[in-house]
Amino acid sequence: LHTAYRRQRQMCIRDRPIKYIEGYNAKYNGKNLNYVDPSDKSKGYLRPNVPDNLGNNIDIYYSVNYKILSKTIQETIKYLDTDKKSIAAEYNTSINFIKVTNPIDNTSKTYGSTTTSNTTLNEEGLPGNEWEQMDSYTFPSVKNPDLTNKGYKVITNSDNPDNLSEIESHKVTFDSEPILEFEVIYSSTTEPSSTTEPSSTTEPSSTTEPSSTTEPSSTTE
């Protein structure tokens, strides 16, 4: 029973359950059998509908009931000004992982894909061709966008402040945190225009003193 599946000929007597084997799924004609009691699998499977001409002996196939855990890890990079306002489209990428465990010998294999999240396995416990067996995945380095034409230059980032040209590559595994988020901070290269000083206030002109009053001429006696 350490193979992916096996055929077992069983006496399929009406109203008698099909034997349950730990770690395996029972199938007849390519279809999974239903449990007698889903809360207690040890009670076995319900008898499939069998044509009368086959009698009581039928072939039941047992395939390994592989356990699957899935996880998506995403990398996000934001490009912000010193006020934390977005000045360029953020960068997003992700990797999907699945961990497939064989319950018979408790061995596990990890697979990764950047194109699919479909976790369907074949009877050998293998996913589709879009998946690649891997223990880790490396997000490639990402160059910081050149925003000099918009009047900005990079001054720091939350990854490696000494590297102002890119966000560096990062290795992740199935057990890594689900989100990697980085910020690249830009400052303006445009100098603010100097404030024009108001012109000096013109002093009001001096007030002209009124001319002296002419004394009337003396009266002739």
C-alpha atoms as a PDB file:
ATOM      1  CA  LEU A   1       0.000   0.000   0.000  1.00  0.00           C
ATOM      2  CA  HIS A   2       2.951   2.381  -0.444  1.00  0.00           C
ATOM      3  CA  THR A   3       2.155   2.816  -4.124  1.00  0.00           C
ATOM      4  CA  ALA A   4      -0.033   5.622  -5.440  1.00  0.00           C
ATOM      5  CA  TYR A   5      -2.971   3.277  -5.947  1.00  0.00           C
ATOM      6  CA  ARG A   6      -3.813  -0.369  -5.992  1.00  0.00           C
ATOM      7  CA  ARG A   7      -6.615  -2.584  -7.186  1.00  0.00           C
ATOM      8  CA  GLN A   8      -8.392  -4.751  -4.707  1.00  0.00           C
ATOM      9  CA  ARG A   9     -11.091  -7.214  -5.646  1.00  0.00           C
ATOM     10  CA  GLN A  10     -13.793  -7.233  -3.039  1.00  0.00           C
ATOM     11  CA  MET A  11     -16.912  -9.214  -2.407  1.00  0.00           C
ATOM     12  CA  CYS A  12     -19.511  -6.507  -2.987  1.00  0.00           C
ATOM     13  CA  ILE A  13     -22.540  -7.843  -1.167  1.00  0.00           C
ATOM     14  CA  ARG A  14     -25.641  -5.717  -1.242  1.00  0.00           C
ATOM     15  CA  ASP A  15     -26.040  -3.517   1.877  1.00  0.00           C
ATOM     16  CA  ARG A  16     -22.536  -4.388   3.096  1.00  0.00           C
ATOM     17  CA  PRO A  17     -20.044  -1.443   3.158  1.00  0.00           C
ATOM     18  CA  ILE A  18     -16.814  -1.364   1.156  1.00  0.00           C
ATOM     19  CA  LYS A  19     -13.661  -1.559   3.288  1.00  0.00           C
ATOM     20  CA  TYR A  20     -11.972   1.705   4.355  1.00  0.00           C
ATOM     21  CA  ILE A  21      -8.158   1.888   4.222  1.00  0.00           C
ATOM     22  CA  GLU A  22      -6.452   4.734   6.102  1.00  0.00           C
ATOM     23  CA  GLY A  23      -4.835   7.311   3.802  1.00  0.00           C
ATOM     24  CA  TYR A  24      -6.598   6.105   0.645  1.00  0.00           C
ATOM     25  CA  ASN A  25      -9.688   7.007  -1.364  1.00  0.00           C
ATOM     26  CA  ALA A  26     -11.815   4.173  -2.737  1.00  0.00           C
ATOM     27  CA  LYS A  27     -13.004   4.386  -6.340  1.00  0.00           C
ATOM     28  CA  TYR A  28     -15.200   2.356  -8.598  1.00  0.00           C
ATOM     29  CA  ASN A  29     -15.314   3.061 -12.336  1.00  0.00           C
ATOM     30  CA  GLY A  30     -13.202   6.183 -11.789  1.00  0.00           C
ATOM     31  CA  LYS A  31     -15.550   7.737  -9.241  1.00  0.00           C
ATOM     32  CA  ASN A  32     -14.949   8.209  -5.522  1.00  0.00           C
ATOM     33  CA  LEU A  33     -17.212   6.145  -3.303  1.00  0.00           C
ATOM     34  CA  ASN A  34     -19.327   7.850  -0.654  1.00  0.00           C
ATOM     35  CA  TYR A  35     -18.697   7.218   3.017  1.00  0.00           C
ATOM     36  CA  VAL A  36     -21.290   5.381   5.064  1.00  0.00           C
ATOM     37  CA  ASP A  37     -20.723   7.969   7.803  1.00  0.00           C
ATOM     38  CA  PRO A  38     -18.509  10.977   6.867  1.00  0.00           C
ATOM     39  CA  SER A  39     -17.897  11.639  10.581  1.00  0.00           C
ATOM     40  CA  ASP A  40     -16.524   8.101  11.050  1.00  0.00           C
ATOM     41  CA  LYS A  41     -14.683   6.977   7.918  1.00  0.00           C
ATOM     42  CA  SER A  42     -13.748   3.678   9.508  1.00  0.00           C
ATOM     43  CA  LYS A  43     -17.290   2.469   8.817  1.00  0.00           C
ATOM     44  CA  GLY A  44     -16.345   2.208   5.171  1.00  0.00           C
ATOM     45  CA  TYR A  45     -18.002   3.205   1.899  1.00  0.00           C
ATOM     46  CA  LEU A  46     -21.463   2.755   0.504  1.00  0.00           C
ATOM     47  CA  ARG A  47     -21.797  -0.045  -2.025  1.00  0.00           C
ATOM     48  CA  PRO A  48     -21.707   1.335  -5.596  1.00  0.00           C
ATOM     49  CA  ASN A  49     -24.438   0.568  -8.097  1.00  0.00           C
ATOM     50  CA  VAL A  50     -23.250  -2.623  -9.769  1.00  0.00           C
ATOM     51  CA  PRO A  51     -25.000  -4.266 -12.727  1.00  0.00           C
ATOM     52  CA  ASP A  52     -26.524  -7.616 -11.761  1.00  0.00           C
ATOM     53  CA  ASN A  53     -24.539  -9.461 -14.413  1.00  0.00           C
ATOM     54  CA  LEU A  54     -21.259  -8.634 -12.631  1.00  0.00           C
ATOM     55  CA  GLY A  55     -22.220 -10.597  -9.576  1.00  0.00           C
ATOM     56  CA  ASN A  56     -20.754  -9.706  -6.215  1.00  0.00           C
ATOM     57  CA  ASN A  57     -17.062  -9.551  -7.132  1.00  0.00           C
ATOM     58  CA  ILE A  58     -15.936  -6.125  -8.372  1.00  0.00           C
ATOM     59  CA  ASP A  59     -12.639  -4.269  -8.560  1.00  0.00           C
ATOM     60  CA  ILE A  60     -12.250  -1.357  -6.155  1.00  0.00           C
ATOM     61  CA  TYR A  61      -9.321   0.989  -6.732  1.00  0.00           C
ATOM     62  CA  TYR A  62      -7.676   2.694  -3.782  1.00  0.00           C
ATOM     63  CA  SER A  63      -5.728   5.900  -4.546  1.00  0.00           C
ATOM     64  CA  VAL A  64      -3.631   7.804  -2.026  1.00  0.00           C
ATOM     65  CA  ASN A  65      -5.545  10.671  -0.424  1.00  0.00           C
ATOM     66  CA  TYR A  66      -2.828  13.298  -0.744  1.00  0.00           C
ATOM     67  CA  LYS A  67      -3.080  16.286   1.567  1.00  0.00           C
ATOM     68  CA  ILE A  68      -2.671  19.710  -0.050  1.00  0.00           C
ATOM     69  CA  LEU A  69      -1.792  23.034   1.558  1.00  0.00           C
ATOM     70  CA  SER A  70      -1.686  26.151  -0.604  1.00  0.00           C
ATOM     71  CA  LYS A  71      -0.278  29.623  -0.091  1.00  0.00           C
ATOM     72  CA  THR A  72       0.255  32.782  -2.158  1.00  0.00           C
ATOM     73  CA  ILE A  73       3.110  35.179  -1.403  1.00  0.00           C
ATOM     74  CA  GLN A  74       2.890  38.655  -2.905  1.00  0.00           C
ATOM     75  CA  GLU A  75       5.516  41.364  -3.360  1.00  0.00           C
ATOM     76  CA  THR A  76       4.355  44.989  -3.556  1.00  0.00           C
ATOM     77  CA  ILE A  77       6.509  48.077  -4.163  1.00  0.00           C
ATOM     78  CA  LYS A  78       5.093  51.579  -3.692  1.00  0.00           C
ATOM     79  CA  TYR A  79       6.670  54.737  -5.111  1.00  0.00           C
ATOM     80  CA  LEU A  80       5.934  57.736  -2.901  1.00  0.00           C
ATOM     81  CA  ASP A  81       6.938  61.353  -2.348  1.00  0.00           C
ATOM     82  CA  THR A  82       8.044  62.671   1.035  1.00  0.00           C
ATOM     83  CA  ASP A  83       4.384  63.220   1.952  1.00  0.00           C
ATOM     84  CA  LYS A  84       3.704  59.514   1.273  1.00  0.00           C
ATOM     85  CA  LYS A  85       1.610  60.316  -1.809  1.00  0.00           C
ATOM     86  CA  SER A  86       1.862  57.924  -4.762  1.00  0.00           C
ATOM     87  CA  ILE A  87       3.767  59.368  -7.728  1.00  0.00           C
ATOM     88  CA  ALA A  88       4.046  56.213  -9.891  1.00  0.00           C
ATOM     89  CA  ALA A  89       2.107  52.979 -10.398  1.00  0.00           C
ATOM     90  CA  GLU A  90       2.910  50.417  -7.720  1.00  0.00           C
ATOM     91  CA  TYR A  91       4.614  47.149  -8.655  1.00  0.00           C
ATOM     92  CA  ASN A  92       2.953  43.810  -7.838  1.00  0.00           C
ATOM     93  CA  THR A  93       3.994  40.209  -8.401  1.00  0.00           C
ATOM     94  CA  SER A  94       3.283  36.898  -6.675  1.00  0.00           C
ATOM     95  CA  ILE A  95       4.182  33.226  -6.381  1.00  0.00           C
ATOM     96  CA  ASN A  96       1.771  30.389  -5.572  1.00  0.00           C
ATOM     97  CA  PHE A  97       2.994  27.471  -3.478  1.00  0.00           C
ATOM     98  CA  ILE A  98       1.407  24.094  -2.752  1.00  0.00           C
ATOM     99  CA  LYS A  99       2.709  21.513  -0.309  1.00  0.00           C
ATOM    100  CA  VAL A 100       1.652  17.946  -1.125  1.00  0.00           C
ATOM    101  CA  THR A 101       1.901  15.357   1.655  1.00  0.00           C
ATOM    102  CA  ASN A 102       1.627  11.605   1.216  1.00  0.00           C
ATOM    103  CA  PRO A 103      -0.251  10.347   4.307  1.00  0.00           C
ATOM    104  CA  ILE A 104       1.129   6.830   3.892  1.00  0.00           C
ATOM    105  CA  ASP A 105       4.797   7.685   4.533  1.00  0.00           C
ATOM    106  CA  ASN A 106       4.265  11.327   5.604  1.00  0.00           C
ATOM    107  CA  THR A 107       6.659  12.701   2.976  1.00  0.00           C
ATOM    108  CA  SER A 108       6.027  16.137   1.475  1.00  0.00           C
ATOM    109  CA  LYS A 109       6.935  17.956  -1.729  1.00  0.00           C
ATOM    110  CA  THR A 110       6.577  21.665  -2.438  1.00  0.00           C
ATOM    111  CA  TYR A 111       5.689  23.119  -5.832  1.00  0.00           C
ATOM    112  CA  GLY A 112       5.566  26.697  -7.087  1.00  0.00           C
ATOM    113  CA  SER A 113       3.899  28.516  -9.975  1.00  0.00           C
ATOM    114  CA  THR A 114       3.565  32.133 -11.113  1.00  0.00           C
ATOM    115  CA  THR A 115       0.846  31.304 -13.657  1.00  0.00           C
ATOM    116  CA  THR A 116      -1.760  29.126 -11.924  1.00  0.00           C
ATOM    117  CA  SER A 117      -3.358  28.374  -8.563  1.00  0.00           C
ATOM    118  CA  ASN A 118      -5.109  25.173  -9.703  1.00  0.00           C
ATOM    119  CA  THR A 119      -4.314  22.518  -7.082  1.00  0.00           C
ATOM    120  CA  THR A 120      -5.687  19.468  -8.913  1.00  0.00           C
ATOM    121  CA  LEU A 121      -3.437  16.409  -8.546  1.00  0.00           C
ATOM    122  CA  ASN A 122      -3.258  13.228 -10.572  1.00  0.00           C
ATOM    123  CA  GLU A 123      -3.302   9.792  -8.921  1.00  0.00           C
ATOM    124  CA  GLU A 124       0.472   9.961  -8.480  1.00  0.00           C
ATOM    125  CA  GLY A 125       0.088  13.130  -6.387  1.00  0.00           C
ATOM    126  CA  LEU A 126       1.529  15.403  -9.093  1.00  0.00           C
ATOM    127  CA  PRO A 127       0.081  18.808 -10.067  1.00  0.00           C
ATOM    128  CA  GLY A 128      -0.194  20.100 -13.639  1.00  0.00           C
ATOM    129  CA  ASN A 129       2.673  21.170 -15.897  1.00  0.00           C
ATOM    130  CA  GLU A 130       2.366  24.796 -14.740  1.00  0.00           C
ATOM    131  CA  TRP A 131       3.874  23.753 -11.409  1.00  0.00           C
ATOM    132  CA  GLU A 132       7.577  23.255 -10.719  1.00  0.00           C
ATOM    133  CA  GLN A 133       8.951  21.392  -7.720  1.00  0.00           C
ATOM    134  CA  MET A 134      10.920  23.886  -5.617  1.00  0.00           C
ATOM    135  CA  ASP A 135      11.904  24.541  -2.031  1.00  0.00           C
ATOM    136  CA  SER A 136      12.142  28.308  -2.551  1.00  0.00           C
ATOM    137  CA  TYR A 137      11.491  31.083  -5.065  1.00  0.00           C
ATOM    138  CA  THR A 138      13.389  34.318  -5.614  1.00  0.00           C
ATOM    139  CA  PHE A 139      11.593  37.526  -6.532  1.00  0.00           C
ATOM    140  CA  PRO A 140      13.958  39.296  -8.969  1.00  0.00           C
ATOM    141  CA  SER A 141      15.361  42.759  -8.265  1.00  0.00           C
ATOM    142  CA  VAL A 142      13.221  45.652  -9.527  1.00  0.00           C
ATOM    143  CA  LYS A 143      14.730  48.865 -10.882  1.00  0.00           C
ATOM    144  CA  ASN A 144      13.294  52.059  -9.441  1.00  0.00           C
ATOM    145  CA  PRO A 145      11.463  54.089 -12.099  1.00  0.00           C
ATOM    146  CA  ASP A 146      13.301  57.183 -13.333  1.00  0.00           C
ATOM    147  CA  LEU A 147      11.100  60.157 -12.466  1.00  0.00           C
ATOM    148  CA  THR A 148      13.575  62.949 -13.221  1.00  0.00           C
ATOM    149  CA  ASN A 149      11.290  64.160 -16.011  1.00  0.00           C
ATOM    150  CA  LYS A 150       8.633  64.677 -13.346  1.00  0.00           C
ATOM    151  CA  GLY A 151      11.048  66.466 -11.069  1.00  0.00           C
ATOM    152  CA  TYR A 152      11.761  63.655  -8.566  1.00  0.00           C
ATOM    153  CA  LYS A 153      14.795  61.716  -7.379  1.00  0.00           C
ATOM    154  CA  VAL A 154      15.101  58.684  -5.044  1.00  0.00           C
ATOM    155  CA  ILE A 155      16.328  59.522  -1.550  1.00  0.00           C
ATOM    156  CA  THR A 156      15.670  56.269   0.363  1.00  0.00           C
ATOM    157  CA  ASN A 157      13.703  53.008   0.501  1.00  0.00           C
ATOM    158  CA  SER A 158      12.482  50.523   3.103  1.00  0.00           C
ATOM    159  CA  ASP A 159      14.524  47.640   1.681  1.00  0.00           C
ATOM    160  CA  ASN A 160      18.156  48.774   1.585  1.00  0.00           C
ATOM    161  CA  PRO A 161      18.551  52.546   2.044  1.00  0.00           C
ATOM    162  CA  ASP A 162      22.106  52.355   0.657  1.00  0.00           C
ATOM    163  CA  ASN A 163      20.839  51.104  -2.703  1.00  0.00           C
ATOM    164  CA  LEU A 164      18.902  53.895  -4.409  1.00  0.00           C
ATOM    165  CA  SER A 165      18.715  52.222  -7.820  1.00  0.00           C
ATOM    166  CA  GLU A 166      16.517  49.180  -7.092  1.00  0.00           C
ATOM    167  CA  ILE A 167      14.607  46.967  -4.703  1.00  0.00           C
ATOM    168  CA  GLU A 168      16.872  43.954  -4.318  1.00  0.00           C
ATOM    169  CA  SER A 169      15.958  40.308  -4.958  1.00  0.00           C
ATOM    170  CA  HIS A 170      14.269  38.370  -2.149  1.00  0.00           C
ATOM    171  CA  LYS A 171      14.057  34.619  -1.557  1.00  0.00           C
ATOM    172  CA  VAL A 172      10.788  33.228  -0.174  1.00  0.00           C
ATOM    173  CA  THR A 173       9.556  29.780   0.842  1.00  0.00           C
ATOM    174  CA  PHE A 174       6.220  28.206   1.665  1.00  0.00           C
ATOM    175  CA  ASP A 175       6.717  29.334   5.276  1.00  0.00           C
ATOM    176  CA  SER A 176       7.450  32.992   4.439  1.00  0.00           C
ATOM    177  CA  GLU A 177       5.117  35.833   5.344  1.00  0.00           C
ATOM    178  CA  PRO A 178       2.340  36.184   2.724  1.00  0.00           C
ATOM    179  CA  ILE A 179       3.111  39.837   1.900  1.00  0.00           C
ATOM    180  CA  LEU A 180       6.413  41.591   1.167  1.00  0.00           C
ATOM    181  CA  GLU A 181       5.853  45.339   0.942  1.00  0.00           C
ATOM    182  CA  PHE A 182       8.472  47.982   0.184  1.00  0.00           C
ATOM    183  CA  GLU A 183       8.396  51.754  -0.209  1.00  0.00           C
ATOM    184  CA  VAL A 184      10.668  53.859  -2.412  1.00  0.00           C
ATOM    185  CA  ILE A 185      10.714  57.510  -1.374  1.00  0.00           C
ATOM    186  CA  TYR A 186      11.364  60.345  -3.822  1.00  0.00           C
ATOM    187  CA  SER A 187      11.984  64.042  -3.157  1.00  0.00           C
ATOM    188  CA  SER A 188      11.336  66.936  -5.482  1.00  0.00           C
ATOM    189  CA  THR A 189      14.301  68.265  -7.461  1.00  0.00           C
ATOM    190  CA  THR A 190      12.524  71.540  -8.215  1.00  0.00           C
ATOM    191  CA  GLU A 191      13.658  74.418  -5.998  1.00  0.00           C
ATOM    192  CA  PRO A 192      10.767  76.495  -4.727  1.00  0.00           C
ATOM    193  CA  SER A 193      10.770  79.952  -6.298  1.00  0.00           C
ATOM    194  CA  SER A 194      11.971  82.768  -3.976  1.00  0.00           C
ATOM    195  CA  THR A 195       9.292  85.066  -2.585  1.00  0.00           C
ATOM    196  CA  THR A 196       9.374  88.555  -4.130  1.00  0.00           C
ATOM    197  CA  GLU A 197       9.827  91.215  -1.502  1.00  0.00           C
ATOM    198  CA  PRO A 198       7.144  93.878  -1.675  1.00  0.00           C
ATOM    199  CA  SER A 199       8.389  97.209  -3.014  1.00  0.00           C
ATOM    200  CA  SER A 200       9.143  99.891  -0.419  1.00  0.00           C
ATOM    201  CA  THR A 201       6.249 102.116   0.499  1.00  0.00           C
ATOM    202  CA  THR A 202       6.454 105.532  -1.082  1.00  0.00           C
ATOM    203  CA  GLU A 203       6.725 108.222   1.551  1.00  0.00           C
ATOM    204  CA  PRO A 204       3.915 110.739   1.272  1.00  0.00           C
ATOM    205  CA  SER A 205       5.022 114.101  -0.085  1.00  0.00           C
ATOM    206  CA  SER A 206       5.561 116.894   2.452  1.00  0.00           C
ATOM    207  CA  THR A 207       2.580 119.111   3.115  1.00  0.00           C
ATOM    208  CA  THR A 208       2.870 122.546   1.555  1.00  0.00           C
ATOM    209  CA  GLU A 209       2.683 125.275   4.149  1.00  0.00           C
ATOM    210  CA  PRO A 210      -0.039 127.826   3.374  1.00  0.00           C
ATOM    211  CA  SER A 211       1.285 131.218   2.182  1.00  0.00           C
ATOM    212  CA  SER A 212       1.413 133.978   4.796  1.00  0.00           C
ATOM    213  CA  THR A 213      -1.686 136.203   5.041  1.00  0.00           C
ATOM    214  CA  THR A 214      -1.236 139.664   3.533  1.00  0.00           C
ATOM    215  CA  GLU A 215      -1.810 142.383   6.083  1.00  0.00           C
ATOM    216  CA  PRO A 216      -4.372 144.970   4.917  1.00  0.00           C
ATOM    217  CA  SER A 217      -2.863 148.371   3.944  1.00  0.00           C
ATOM    218  CA  SER A 218      -3.147 151.139   6.547  1.00  0.00           C
ATOM    219  CA  THR A 219      -6.123 153.536   6.241  1.00  0.00           C
ATOM    220  CA  THR A 220      -5.261 157.055   5.053  1.00  0.00           C
ATOM    221  CA  GLU A 221      -6.285 159.654   7.566  1.00  0.00           C
END
